[in-house]
Amino acid sequence: MKEDNDVRRIFLLNPDPRLIRQAALADVQVRSIRVDMTDESALRVALAQAAEAGLCVNPARALRVLSDPAAVQRLVRDNRLSPGGTEAAPGRPRLTVETLSVHGMHQAVGITARTPYGLLHPAPLTDDTAAEVRAVVTALLDLAGYQYGPAHAEVTLAPGGPVITGCRTGLGDDPVPELLKAAGGFDLAAGAIEVLAGRLVHAARPNRFAAAAVLAPPWLLESAEVGVLPHVGFVAPPEAPRPGHLVVHADSPEVAARRVASLRSLVVGDDR
């Protein structure tokens, strides 16, 4: 693809509706196709056609490997990326890592912690630990040969270092994108569109904490009532049987935890 090409076009395999919506908002043309990600031959045909059209594409092998959890674990194990193994151990801190890749360069744009009450972003890590997490995830993407687009990794912190327990292409599940936006204003879907078009992205650094709780129905309050409560930045109402979620902002992890607990009591009651 030409670097000076002003036509904004991207290629999506098995497109995520969130990316389709963002592309429409950004006036980006989308070429998409649905294909079995485990069928490398079918992937090669689709990718070759997209490449001939001048679109940024990933190697078929990279997409096949990252679509197969067993293949990801083999890659981690064979290259000794996780000294502690590839299995999540109970009680150890668990993280999710969001990355954006362009021209084979990988940027970790968000590290989120899984907590007893939900998700917290950014994960409260030391600079050294955060650097280790970013390094091991981007090393995996390098080994897989991933070139363009978002990816989502699962990591556990072990005494020997970060342990990659999973990695796949695409955006992290909701409410992860909302957490990145609430904590620092970074739009993960918009960034994904940019790298899929072959453009570099500069991720905003978080300037506060954001926490999310996923709450099963029924809710005691309407989503509009929840949305105007203090410190609530985003609400996705439940659609039975799918749970809803809410996002709050705070100046510290401790305050975030208290706010989530208080809101949980208001929204679904003390006994849930």
C-alpha atoms as a PDB file:
ATOM      1  CA  MET A   1       0.000   0.000   0.000  1.00  0.00           C
ATOM      2  CA  LYS A   2       1.298   3.459  -0.872  1.00  0.00           C
ATOM      3  CA  GLU A   3       2.130   5.576   2.143  1.00  0.00           C
ATOM      4  CA  ASP A   4       0.919   8.764   0.423  1.00  0.00           C
ATOM      5  CA  ASN A   5      -2.402   7.267  -0.631  1.00  0.00           C
ATOM      6  CA  ASP A   6      -5.193   9.564   0.558  1.00  0.00           C
ATOM      7  CA  VAL A   7      -7.914   6.968   0.037  1.00  0.00           C
ATOM      8  CA  ARG A   8      -8.765   5.575   3.448  1.00  0.00           C
ATOM      9  CA  ARG A   9      -9.547   1.900   3.004  1.00  0.00           C
ATOM     10  CA  ILE A  10      -9.188  -1.107   5.261  1.00  0.00           C
ATOM     11  CA  PHE A  11      -9.655  -4.853   5.052  1.00  0.00           C
ATOM     12  CA  LEU A  12     -11.510  -6.799   7.743  1.00  0.00           C
ATOM     13  CA  LEU A  13     -11.827 -10.537   8.171  1.00  0.00           C
ATOM     14  CA  ASN A  14     -14.952 -11.624  10.057  1.00  0.00           C
ATOM     15  CA  PRO A  15     -15.621  -7.961  10.847  1.00  0.00           C
ATOM     16  CA  ASP A  16     -16.363  -6.738  14.349  1.00  0.00           C
ATOM     17  CA  PRO A  17     -19.503  -4.526  14.324  1.00  0.00           C
ATOM     18  CA  ARG A  18     -17.661  -2.020  16.524  1.00  0.00           C
ATOM     19  CA  LEU A  19     -15.028  -1.558  13.816  1.00  0.00           C
ATOM     20  CA  ILE A  20     -17.644  -1.312  11.094  1.00  0.00           C
ATOM     21  CA  ARG A  21     -19.364   1.486  13.026  1.00  0.00           C
ATOM     22  CA  GLN A  22     -16.094   3.309  13.658  1.00  0.00           C
ATOM     23  CA  ALA A  23     -15.073   3.061  10.003  1.00  0.00           C
ATOM     24  CA  ALA A  24     -18.378   4.629   8.974  1.00  0.00           C
ATOM     25  CA  LEU A  25     -17.854   7.469  11.443  1.00  0.00           C
ATOM     26  CA  ALA A  26     -14.328   8.030  10.112  1.00  0.00           C
ATOM     27  CA  ASP A  27     -15.429   7.861   6.455  1.00  0.00           C
ATOM     28  CA  VAL A  28     -13.194   4.858   5.843  1.00  0.00           C
ATOM     29  CA  GLN A  29     -14.074   2.377   3.114  1.00  0.00           C
ATOM     30  CA  VAL A  30     -14.272  -1.227   4.318  1.00  0.00           C
ATOM     31  CA  ARG A  31     -13.685  -4.375   2.349  1.00  0.00           C
ATOM     32  CA  SER A  32     -14.610  -7.416   4.394  1.00  0.00           C
ATOM     33  CA  ILE A  33     -15.071 -11.142   4.066  1.00  0.00           C
ATOM     34  CA  ARG A  34     -16.039 -13.978   6.376  1.00  0.00           C
ATOM     35  CA  VAL A  35     -13.743 -16.970   6.368  1.00  0.00           C
ATOM     36  CA  ASP A  36     -12.781 -19.855   8.630  1.00  0.00           C
ATOM     37  CA  MET A  37      -9.703 -18.566  10.470  1.00  0.00           C
ATOM     38  CA  THR A  38      -8.401 -22.095  10.921  1.00  0.00           C
ATOM     39  CA  ASP A  39      -8.410 -22.720   7.147  1.00  0.00           C
ATOM     40  CA  GLU A  40      -5.057 -21.326   6.037  1.00  0.00           C
ATOM     41  CA  SER A  41      -5.726 -22.042   2.352  1.00  0.00           C
ATOM     42  CA  ALA A  42      -8.958 -20.057   2.404  1.00  0.00           C
ATOM     43  CA  LEU A  43      -7.223 -17.273   4.287  1.00  0.00           C
ATOM     44  CA  ARG A  44      -4.464 -17.081   1.668  1.00  0.00           C
ATOM     45  CA  VAL A  45      -6.993 -16.616  -1.135  1.00  0.00           C
ATOM     46  CA  ALA A  46      -8.869 -13.842   0.674  1.00  0.00           C
ATOM     47  CA  LEU A  47      -5.695 -12.065   1.742  1.00  0.00           C
ATOM     48  CA  ALA A  48      -4.138 -12.239  -1.719  1.00  0.00           C
ATOM     49  CA  GLN A  49      -7.197 -10.572  -3.221  1.00  0.00           C
ATOM     50  CA  ALA A  50      -7.107  -7.814  -0.613  1.00  0.00           C
ATOM     51  CA  ALA A  51      -3.379  -7.268  -1.098  1.00  0.00           C
ATOM     52  CA  GLU A  52      -3.873  -6.949  -4.860  1.00  0.00           C
ATOM     53  CA  ALA A  53      -6.386  -4.193  -4.123  1.00  0.00           C
ATOM     54  CA  GLY A  54      -3.684  -2.298  -2.207  1.00  0.00           C
ATOM     55  CA  LEU A  55      -5.011  -3.008   1.286  1.00  0.00           C
ATOM     56  CA  CYS A  56      -2.946  -3.790   4.372  1.00  0.00           C
ATOM     57  CA  VAL A  57      -3.150  -7.495   5.164  1.00  0.00           C
ATOM     58  CA  ASN A  58      -1.691  -9.956   7.648  1.00  0.00           C
ATOM     59  CA  PRO A  59       0.061 -13.216   6.757  1.00  0.00           C
ATOM     60  CA  ALA A  60      -2.355 -16.131   6.700  1.00  0.00           C
ATOM     61  CA  ARG A  61      -0.187 -18.075   9.147  1.00  0.00           C
ATOM     62  CA  ALA A  62      -0.343 -15.268  11.710  1.00  0.00           C
ATOM     63  CA  LEU A  63      -4.131 -15.184  11.641  1.00  0.00           C
ATOM     64  CA  ARG A  64      -4.408 -18.962  11.829  1.00  0.00           C
ATOM     65  CA  VAL A  65      -2.006 -19.202  14.779  1.00  0.00           C
ATOM     66  CA  LEU A  66      -3.677 -16.407  16.736  1.00  0.00           C
ATOM     67  CA  SER A  67      -7.110 -17.971  16.172  1.00  0.00           C
ATOM     68  CA  ASP A  68      -6.001 -21.235  17.809  1.00  0.00           C
ATOM     69  CA  PRO A  69      -5.462 -21.141  21.607  1.00  0.00           C
ATOM     70  CA  ALA A  70      -3.391 -24.338  21.487  1.00  0.00           C
ATOM     71  CA  ALA A  71      -1.135 -22.881  18.777  1.00  0.00           C
ATOM     72  CA  VAL A  72      -0.660 -19.717  20.831  1.00  0.00           C
ATOM     73  CA  GLN A  73       0.391 -21.748  23.859  1.00  0.00           C
ATOM     74  CA  ARG A  74       2.816 -23.804  21.751  1.00  0.00           C
ATOM     75  CA  LEU A  75       4.387 -20.605  20.445  1.00  0.00           C
ATOM     76  CA  VAL A  76       4.723 -19.266  23.982  1.00  0.00           C
ATOM     77  CA  ARG A  77       6.156 -22.540  25.313  1.00  0.00           C
ATOM     78  CA  ASP A  78       8.528 -23.274  22.421  1.00  0.00           C
ATOM     79  CA  ASN A  79      10.015 -19.780  22.553  1.00  0.00           C
ATOM     80  CA  ARG A  80      10.135 -19.652  26.362  1.00  0.00           C
ATOM     81  CA  LEU A  81       8.169 -16.419  26.485  1.00  0.00           C
ATOM     82  CA  SER A  82       6.595 -17.274  29.842  1.00  0.00           C
ATOM     83  CA  PRO A  83       9.033 -18.836  32.331  1.00  0.00           C
ATOM     84  CA  GLY A  84       6.151 -19.702  34.623  1.00  0.00           C
ATOM     85  CA  GLY A  85       4.366 -21.784  31.999  1.00  0.00           C
ATOM     86  CA  THR A  86       1.154 -21.088  30.091  1.00  0.00           C
ATOM     87  CA  GLU A  87      -1.485 -21.945  32.660  1.00  0.00           C
ATOM     88  CA  ALA A  88      -3.274 -19.418  34.865  1.00  0.00           C
ATOM     89  CA  ALA A  89      -2.778 -20.192  38.561  1.00  0.00           C
ATOM     90  CA  PRO A  90      -5.501 -19.358  41.110  1.00  0.00           C
ATOM     91  CA  GLY A  91      -4.863 -16.246  43.160  1.00  0.00           C
ATOM     92  CA  ARG A  92      -2.316 -14.661  40.847  1.00  0.00           C
ATOM     93  CA  PRO A  93      -2.989 -11.206  39.382  1.00  0.00           C
ATOM     94  CA  ARG A  94      -4.655 -11.424  35.969  1.00  0.00           C
ATOM     95  CA  LEU A  95      -4.363  -8.812  33.240  1.00  0.00           C
ATOM     96  CA  THR A  96      -5.648  -8.086  29.768  1.00  0.00           C
ATOM     97  CA  VAL A  97      -3.405  -6.317  27.268  1.00  0.00           C
ATOM     98  CA  GLU A  98      -4.651  -4.392  24.235  1.00  0.00           C
ATOM     99  CA  THR A  99      -2.248  -3.842  21.345  1.00  0.00           C
ATOM    100  CA  LEU A 100      -2.289  -2.090  17.984  1.00  0.00           C
ATOM    101  CA  SER A 101       0.057  -3.173  15.195  1.00  0.00           C
ATOM    102  CA  VAL A 102       1.058  -1.397  11.993  1.00  0.00           C
ATOM    103  CA  HIS A 103       3.757  -2.502   9.529  1.00  0.00           C
ATOM    104  CA  GLY A 104       4.768  -5.178  12.053  1.00  0.00           C
ATOM    105  CA  MET A 105       5.359  -2.662  14.849  1.00  0.00           C
ATOM    106  CA  HIS A 106       3.370  -3.435  17.981  1.00  0.00           C
ATOM    107  CA  GLN A 107       2.224  -0.938  20.595  1.00  0.00           C
ATOM    108  CA  ALA A 108       0.649  -1.980  23.884  1.00  0.00           C
ATOM    109  CA  VAL A 109      -1.978   0.720  24.364  1.00  0.00           C
ATOM    110  CA  GLY A 110      -3.626  -0.553  27.527  1.00  0.00           C
ATOM    111  CA  ILE A 111      -3.072  -2.966  30.417  1.00  0.00           C
ATOM    112  CA  THR A 112      -6.166  -3.719  32.481  1.00  0.00           C
ATOM    113  CA  ALA A 113      -6.391  -5.655  35.751  1.00  0.00           C
ATOM    114  CA  ARG A 114      -9.070  -8.197  36.605  1.00  0.00           C
ATOM    115  CA  THR A 115     -10.234  -7.588  40.166  1.00  0.00           C
ATOM    116  CA  PRO A 116     -12.786  -9.294  42.449  1.00  0.00           C
ATOM    117  CA  TYR A 117     -15.316  -6.566  41.599  1.00  0.00           C
ATOM    118  CA  GLY A 118     -14.608  -6.244  37.855  1.00  0.00           C
ATOM    119  CA  LEU A 119     -11.981  -4.534  35.697  1.00  0.00           C
ATOM    120  CA  LEU A 120      -9.561  -1.716  36.563  1.00  0.00           C
ATOM    121  CA  HIS A 121      -7.618   0.392  34.080  1.00  0.00           C
ATOM    122  CA  PRO A 122      -4.760   1.088  34.066  1.00  0.00           C
ATOM    123  CA  ALA A 123      -3.585  -1.938  36.011  1.00  0.00           C
ATOM    124  CA  PRO A 124      -1.704  -0.698  39.108  1.00  0.00           C
ATOM    125  CA  LEU A 125       1.720  -2.090  38.152  1.00  0.00           C
ATOM    126  CA  THR A 126       5.261  -0.900  38.725  1.00  0.00           C
ATOM    127  CA  ASP A 127       6.984   0.533  35.664  1.00  0.00           C
ATOM    128  CA  ASP A 128       9.253  -2.522  35.466  1.00  0.00           C
ATOM    129  CA  THR A 129       6.376  -5.010  35.617  1.00  0.00           C
ATOM    130  CA  ALA A 130       4.366  -3.087  33.028  1.00  0.00           C
ATOM    131  CA  ALA A 131       7.399  -3.065  30.725  1.00  0.00           C
ATOM    132  CA  GLU A 132       7.805  -6.835  31.133  1.00  0.00           C
ATOM    133  CA  VAL A 133       4.144  -7.398  30.297  1.00  0.00           C
ATOM    134  CA  ARG A 134       4.338  -5.218  27.197  1.00  0.00           C
ATOM    135  CA  ALA A 135       7.561  -6.898  26.064  1.00  0.00           C
ATOM    136  CA  VAL A 136       6.302 -10.471  26.336  1.00  0.00           C
ATOM    137  CA  VAL A 137       3.038  -9.729  24.510  1.00  0.00           C
ATOM    138  CA  THR A 138       4.673  -7.816  21.663  1.00  0.00           C
ATOM    139  CA  ALA A 139       7.295 -10.561  21.367  1.00  0.00           C
ATOM    140  CA  LEU A 140       4.495 -13.086  20.853  1.00  0.00           C
ATOM    141  CA  LEU A 141       2.943 -10.967  18.106  1.00  0.00           C
ATOM    142  CA  ASP A 142       6.360 -10.729  16.444  1.00  0.00           C
ATOM    143  CA  LEU A 143       6.791 -14.496  16.536  1.00  0.00           C
ATOM    144  CA  ALA A 144       3.310 -15.012  15.113  1.00  0.00           C
ATOM    145  CA  GLY A 145       4.083 -12.603  12.271  1.00  0.00           C
ATOM    146  CA  TYR A 146       1.167 -10.285  12.993  1.00  0.00           C
ATOM    147  CA  GLN A 147       1.373  -7.056  10.995  1.00  0.00           C
ATOM    148  CA  TYR A 148      -1.811  -4.973  11.155  1.00  0.00           C
ATOM    149  CA  GLY A 149      -4.659  -4.403  13.543  1.00  0.00           C
ATOM    150  CA  PRO A 150      -5.719  -4.828  17.162  1.00  0.00           C
ATOM    151  CA  ALA A 151      -4.982  -7.817  19.372  1.00  0.00           C
ATOM    152  CA  HIS A 152      -6.071  -8.826  22.851  1.00  0.00           C
ATOM    153  CA  ALA A 153      -3.864 -10.867  25.212  1.00  0.00           C
ATOM    154  CA  GLU A 154      -4.509 -12.483  28.587  1.00  0.00           C
ATOM    155  CA  VAL A 155      -1.616 -12.445  31.054  1.00  0.00           C
ATOM    156  CA  THR A 156      -1.103 -13.743  34.585  1.00  0.00           C
ATOM    157  CA  LEU A 157       1.636 -12.394  36.854  1.00  0.00           C
ATOM    158  CA  ALA A 158       3.767 -15.202  38.282  1.00  0.00           C
ATOM    159  CA  PRO A 159       6.915 -15.110  40.460  1.00  0.00           C
ATOM    160  CA  GLY A 160       9.027 -15.877  37.379  1.00  0.00           C
ATOM    161  CA  GLY A 161       7.457 -13.126  35.292  1.00  0.00           C
ATOM    162  CA  PRO A 162       4.380 -12.513  33.136  1.00  0.00           C
ATOM    163  CA  VAL A 163       2.622 -15.645  31.856  1.00  0.00           C
ATOM    164  CA  ILE A 164       0.694 -15.369  28.583  1.00  0.00           C
ATOM    165  CA  THR A 165      -2.425 -17.499  28.911  1.00  0.00           C
ATOM    166  CA  GLY A 166      -4.075 -16.449  25.654  1.00  0.00           C
ATOM    167  CA  CYS A 167      -3.914 -14.078  22.705  1.00  0.00           C
ATOM    168  CA  ARG A 168      -6.208 -13.384  19.775  1.00  0.00           C
ATOM    169  CA  THR A 169      -6.711 -10.797  17.079  1.00  0.00           C
ATOM    170  CA  GLY A 170      -9.367  -8.122  17.443  1.00  0.00           C
ATOM    171  CA  LEU A 171     -10.597  -5.668  20.053  1.00  0.00           C
ATOM    172  CA  GLY A 172     -10.954  -6.621  23.688  1.00  0.00           C
ATOM    173  CA  ASP A 173     -14.494  -7.419  24.751  1.00  0.00           C
ATOM    174  CA  ASP A 174     -16.644  -4.651  26.191  1.00  0.00           C
ATOM    175  CA  PRO A 175     -16.184  -2.894  28.575  1.00  0.00           C
ATOM    176  CA  VAL A 176     -12.424  -2.802  27.919  1.00  0.00           C
ATOM    177  CA  PRO A 177     -12.603  -0.115  25.185  1.00  0.00           C
ATOM    178  CA  GLU A 178     -14.788   2.058  27.406  1.00  0.00           C
ATOM    179  CA  LEU A 179     -12.230   1.769  30.216  1.00  0.00           C
ATOM    180  CA  LEU A 180      -9.410   3.032  27.989  1.00  0.00           C
ATOM    181  CA  LYS A 181     -11.540   5.968  26.923  1.00  0.00           C
ATOM    182  CA  ALA A 182     -12.644   6.820  30.472  1.00  0.00           C
ATOM    183  CA  ALA A 183      -9.119   6.625  31.927  1.00  0.00           C
ATOM    184  CA  GLY A 184      -7.266   8.636  29.304  1.00  0.00           C
ATOM    185  CA  GLY A 185      -9.467   9.489  26.372  1.00  0.00           C
ATOM    186  CA  PHE A 186      -7.976   6.884  24.054  1.00  0.00           C
ATOM    187  CA  ASP A 187     -10.430   5.467  21.511  1.00  0.00           C
ATOM    188  CA  LEU A 188      -9.352   1.861  20.890  1.00  0.00           C
ATOM    189  CA  ALA A 189     -11.685   1.303  17.922  1.00  0.00           C
ATOM    190  CA  ALA A 190     -10.543   4.513  16.231  1.00  0.00           C
ATOM    191  CA  GLY A 191      -6.924   3.497  16.771  1.00  0.00           C
ATOM    192  CA  ALA A 192      -7.627   0.089  15.263  1.00  0.00           C
ATOM    193  CA  ILE A 193      -9.041   1.701  12.122  1.00  0.00           C
ATOM    194  CA  GLU A 194      -5.916   3.817  11.780  1.00  0.00           C
ATOM    195  CA  VAL A 195      -3.448   0.930  12.006  1.00  0.00           C
ATOM    196  CA  LEU A 196      -5.561  -1.203   9.667  1.00  0.00           C
ATOM    197  CA  ALA A 197      -5.166   1.651   7.166  1.00  0.00           C
ATOM    198  CA  GLY A 198      -1.392   1.581   7.680  1.00  0.00           C
ATOM    199  CA  ARG A 199      -1.089   4.665   9.858  1.00  0.00           C
ATOM    200  CA  LEU A 200       0.761   5.061  13.142  1.00  0.00           C
ATOM    201  CA  VAL A 201      -1.215   5.813  16.295  1.00  0.00           C
ATOM    202  CA  HIS A 202      -0.132   7.796  19.336  1.00  0.00           C
ATOM    203  CA  ALA A 203      -1.977   6.437  22.359  1.00  0.00           C
ATOM    204  CA  ALA A 204      -2.990   8.842  25.107  1.00  0.00           C
ATOM    205  CA  ARG A 205      -1.624   7.955  28.538  1.00  0.00           C
ATOM    206  CA  PRO A 206      -4.201   7.412  31.297  1.00  0.00           C
ATOM    207  CA  ASN A 207      -4.580  10.380  33.631  1.00  0.00           C
ATOM    208  CA  ARG A 208      -6.908   8.654  36.099  1.00  0.00           C
ATOM    209  CA  PHE A 209      -8.316   5.218  36.885  1.00  0.00           C
ATOM    210  CA  ALA A 210     -11.470   3.707  35.446  1.00  0.00           C
ATOM    211  CA  ALA A 211     -13.282   0.656  36.768  1.00  0.00           C
ATOM    212  CA  ALA A 212     -16.053  -1.455  35.312  1.00  0.00           C
ATOM    213  CA  ALA A 213     -18.547  -3.868  36.786  1.00  0.00           C
ATOM    214  CA  VAL A 214     -20.565  -6.331  34.722  1.00  0.00           C
ATOM    215  CA  LEU A 215     -24.026  -6.657  36.305  1.00  0.00           C
ATOM    216  CA  ALA A 216     -26.586  -9.314  35.416  1.00  0.00           C
ATOM    217  CA  PRO A 217     -30.259  -8.366  35.138  1.00  0.00           C
ATOM    218  CA  PRO A 218     -32.583  -7.385  36.582  1.00  0.00           C
ATOM    219  CA  TRP A 219     -31.430  -3.863  37.408  1.00  0.00           C
ATOM    220  CA  LEU A 220     -33.290  -1.843  40.025  1.00  0.00           C
ATOM    221  CA  LEU A 221     -32.666   1.394  38.095  1.00  0.00           C
ATOM    222  CA  GLU A 222     -33.117   2.336  34.454  1.00  0.00           C
ATOM    223  CA  SER A 223     -29.907   2.894  32.490  1.00  0.00           C
ATOM    224  CA  ALA A 224     -30.701   6.615  32.178  1.00  0.00           C
ATOM    225  CA  GLU A 225     -30.899   6.834  35.986  1.00  0.00           C
ATOM    226  CA  VAL A 226     -27.577   5.001  36.339  1.00  0.00           C
ATOM    227  CA  GLY A 227     -25.914   7.256  33.777  1.00  0.00           C
ATOM    228  CA  VAL A 228     -26.518  10.428  35.809  1.00  0.00           C
ATOM    229  CA  LEU A 229     -25.151   9.005  39.061  1.00  0.00           C
ATOM    230  CA  PRO A 230     -21.919  10.611  40.326  1.00  0.00           C
ATOM    231  CA  HIS A 231     -18.680   9.398  38.696  1.00  0.00           C
ATOM    232  CA  VAL A 232     -20.431   7.155  36.145  1.00  0.00           C
ATOM    233  CA  GLY A 233     -18.868   7.612  32.724  1.00  0.00           C
ATOM    234  CA  PHE A 234     -20.566   4.924  30.663  1.00  0.00           C
ATOM    235  CA  VAL A 235     -23.540   2.578  30.946  1.00  0.00           C
ATOM    236  CA  ALA A 236     -24.541  -0.378  28.793  1.00  0.00           C
ATOM    237  CA  PRO A 237     -27.942  -1.664  29.959  1.00  0.00           C
ATOM    238  CA  PRO A 238     -28.632  -5.385  30.222  1.00  0.00           C
ATOM    239  CA  GLU A 239     -30.556  -7.155  27.506  1.00  0.00           C
ATOM    240  CA  ALA A 240     -31.678 -10.428  29.074  1.00  0.00           C
ATOM    241  CA  PRO A 241     -30.017 -12.801  29.371  1.00  0.00           C
ATOM    242  CA  ARG A 242     -26.954 -10.667  28.536  1.00  0.00           C
ATOM    243  CA  PRO A 243     -25.619  -8.636  31.493  1.00  0.00           C
ATOM    244  CA  GLY A 244     -25.024  -4.917  31.329  1.00  0.00           C
ATOM    245  CA  HIS A 245     -22.055  -2.964  32.610  1.00  0.00           C
ATOM    246  CA  LEU A 246     -21.121   0.418  33.978  1.00  0.00           C
ATOM    247  CA  VAL A 247     -17.848   2.341  34.054  1.00  0.00           C
ATOM    248  CA  VAL A 248     -16.754   4.759  36.780  1.00  0.00           C
ATOM    249  CA  HIS A 249     -13.695   6.974  37.086  1.00  0.00           C
ATOM    250  CA  ALA A 250     -11.569   7.632  40.178  1.00  0.00           C
ATOM    251  CA  ASP A 251      -8.223   9.010  41.309  1.00  0.00           C
ATOM    252  CA  SER A 252      -7.027   5.737  42.857  1.00  0.00           C
ATOM    253  CA  PRO A 253      -7.727   1.991  42.698  1.00  0.00           C
ATOM    254  CA  GLU A 254      -9.129   2.083  46.235  1.00  0.00           C
ATOM    255  CA  VAL A 255     -11.625   4.825  45.422  1.00  0.00           C
ATOM    256  CA  ALA A 256     -12.586   2.989  42.228  1.00  0.00           C
ATOM    257  CA  ALA A 257     -13.347  -0.181  44.205  1.00  0.00           C
ATOM    258  CA  ARG A 258     -15.528   1.720  46.705  1.00  0.00           C
ATOM    259  CA  ARG A 259     -17.453   3.459  43.946  1.00  0.00           C
ATOM    260  CA  VAL A 260     -18.149   0.200  42.129  1.00  0.00           C
ATOM    261  CA  ALA A 261     -19.344  -1.415  45.370  1.00  0.00           C
ATOM    262  CA  SER A 262     -21.663   1.503  46.084  1.00  0.00           C
ATOM    263  CA  LEU A 263     -23.093   1.517  42.584  1.00  0.00           C
ATOM    264  CA  ARG A 264     -23.534  -2.245  42.566  1.00  0.00           C
ATOM    265  CA  SER A 265     -25.676  -1.908  45.695  1.00  0.00           C
ATOM    266  CA  LEU A 266     -27.812   0.768  44.067  1.00  0.00           C
ATOM    267  CA  VAL A 267     -28.190  -0.973  40.700  1.00  0.00           C
ATOM    268  CA  VAL A 268     -28.697  -4.638  41.600  1.00  0.00           C
ATOM    269  CA  GLY A 269     -29.016  -4.672  45.391  1.00  0.00           C
ATOM    270  CA  ASP A 270     -26.810  -5.673  48.314  1.00  0.00           C
ATOM    271  CA  ASP A 271     -27.338  -9.422  47.981  1.00  0.00           C
ATOM    272  CA  ARG A 272     -25.832  -9.865  44.511  1.00  0.00           C
END
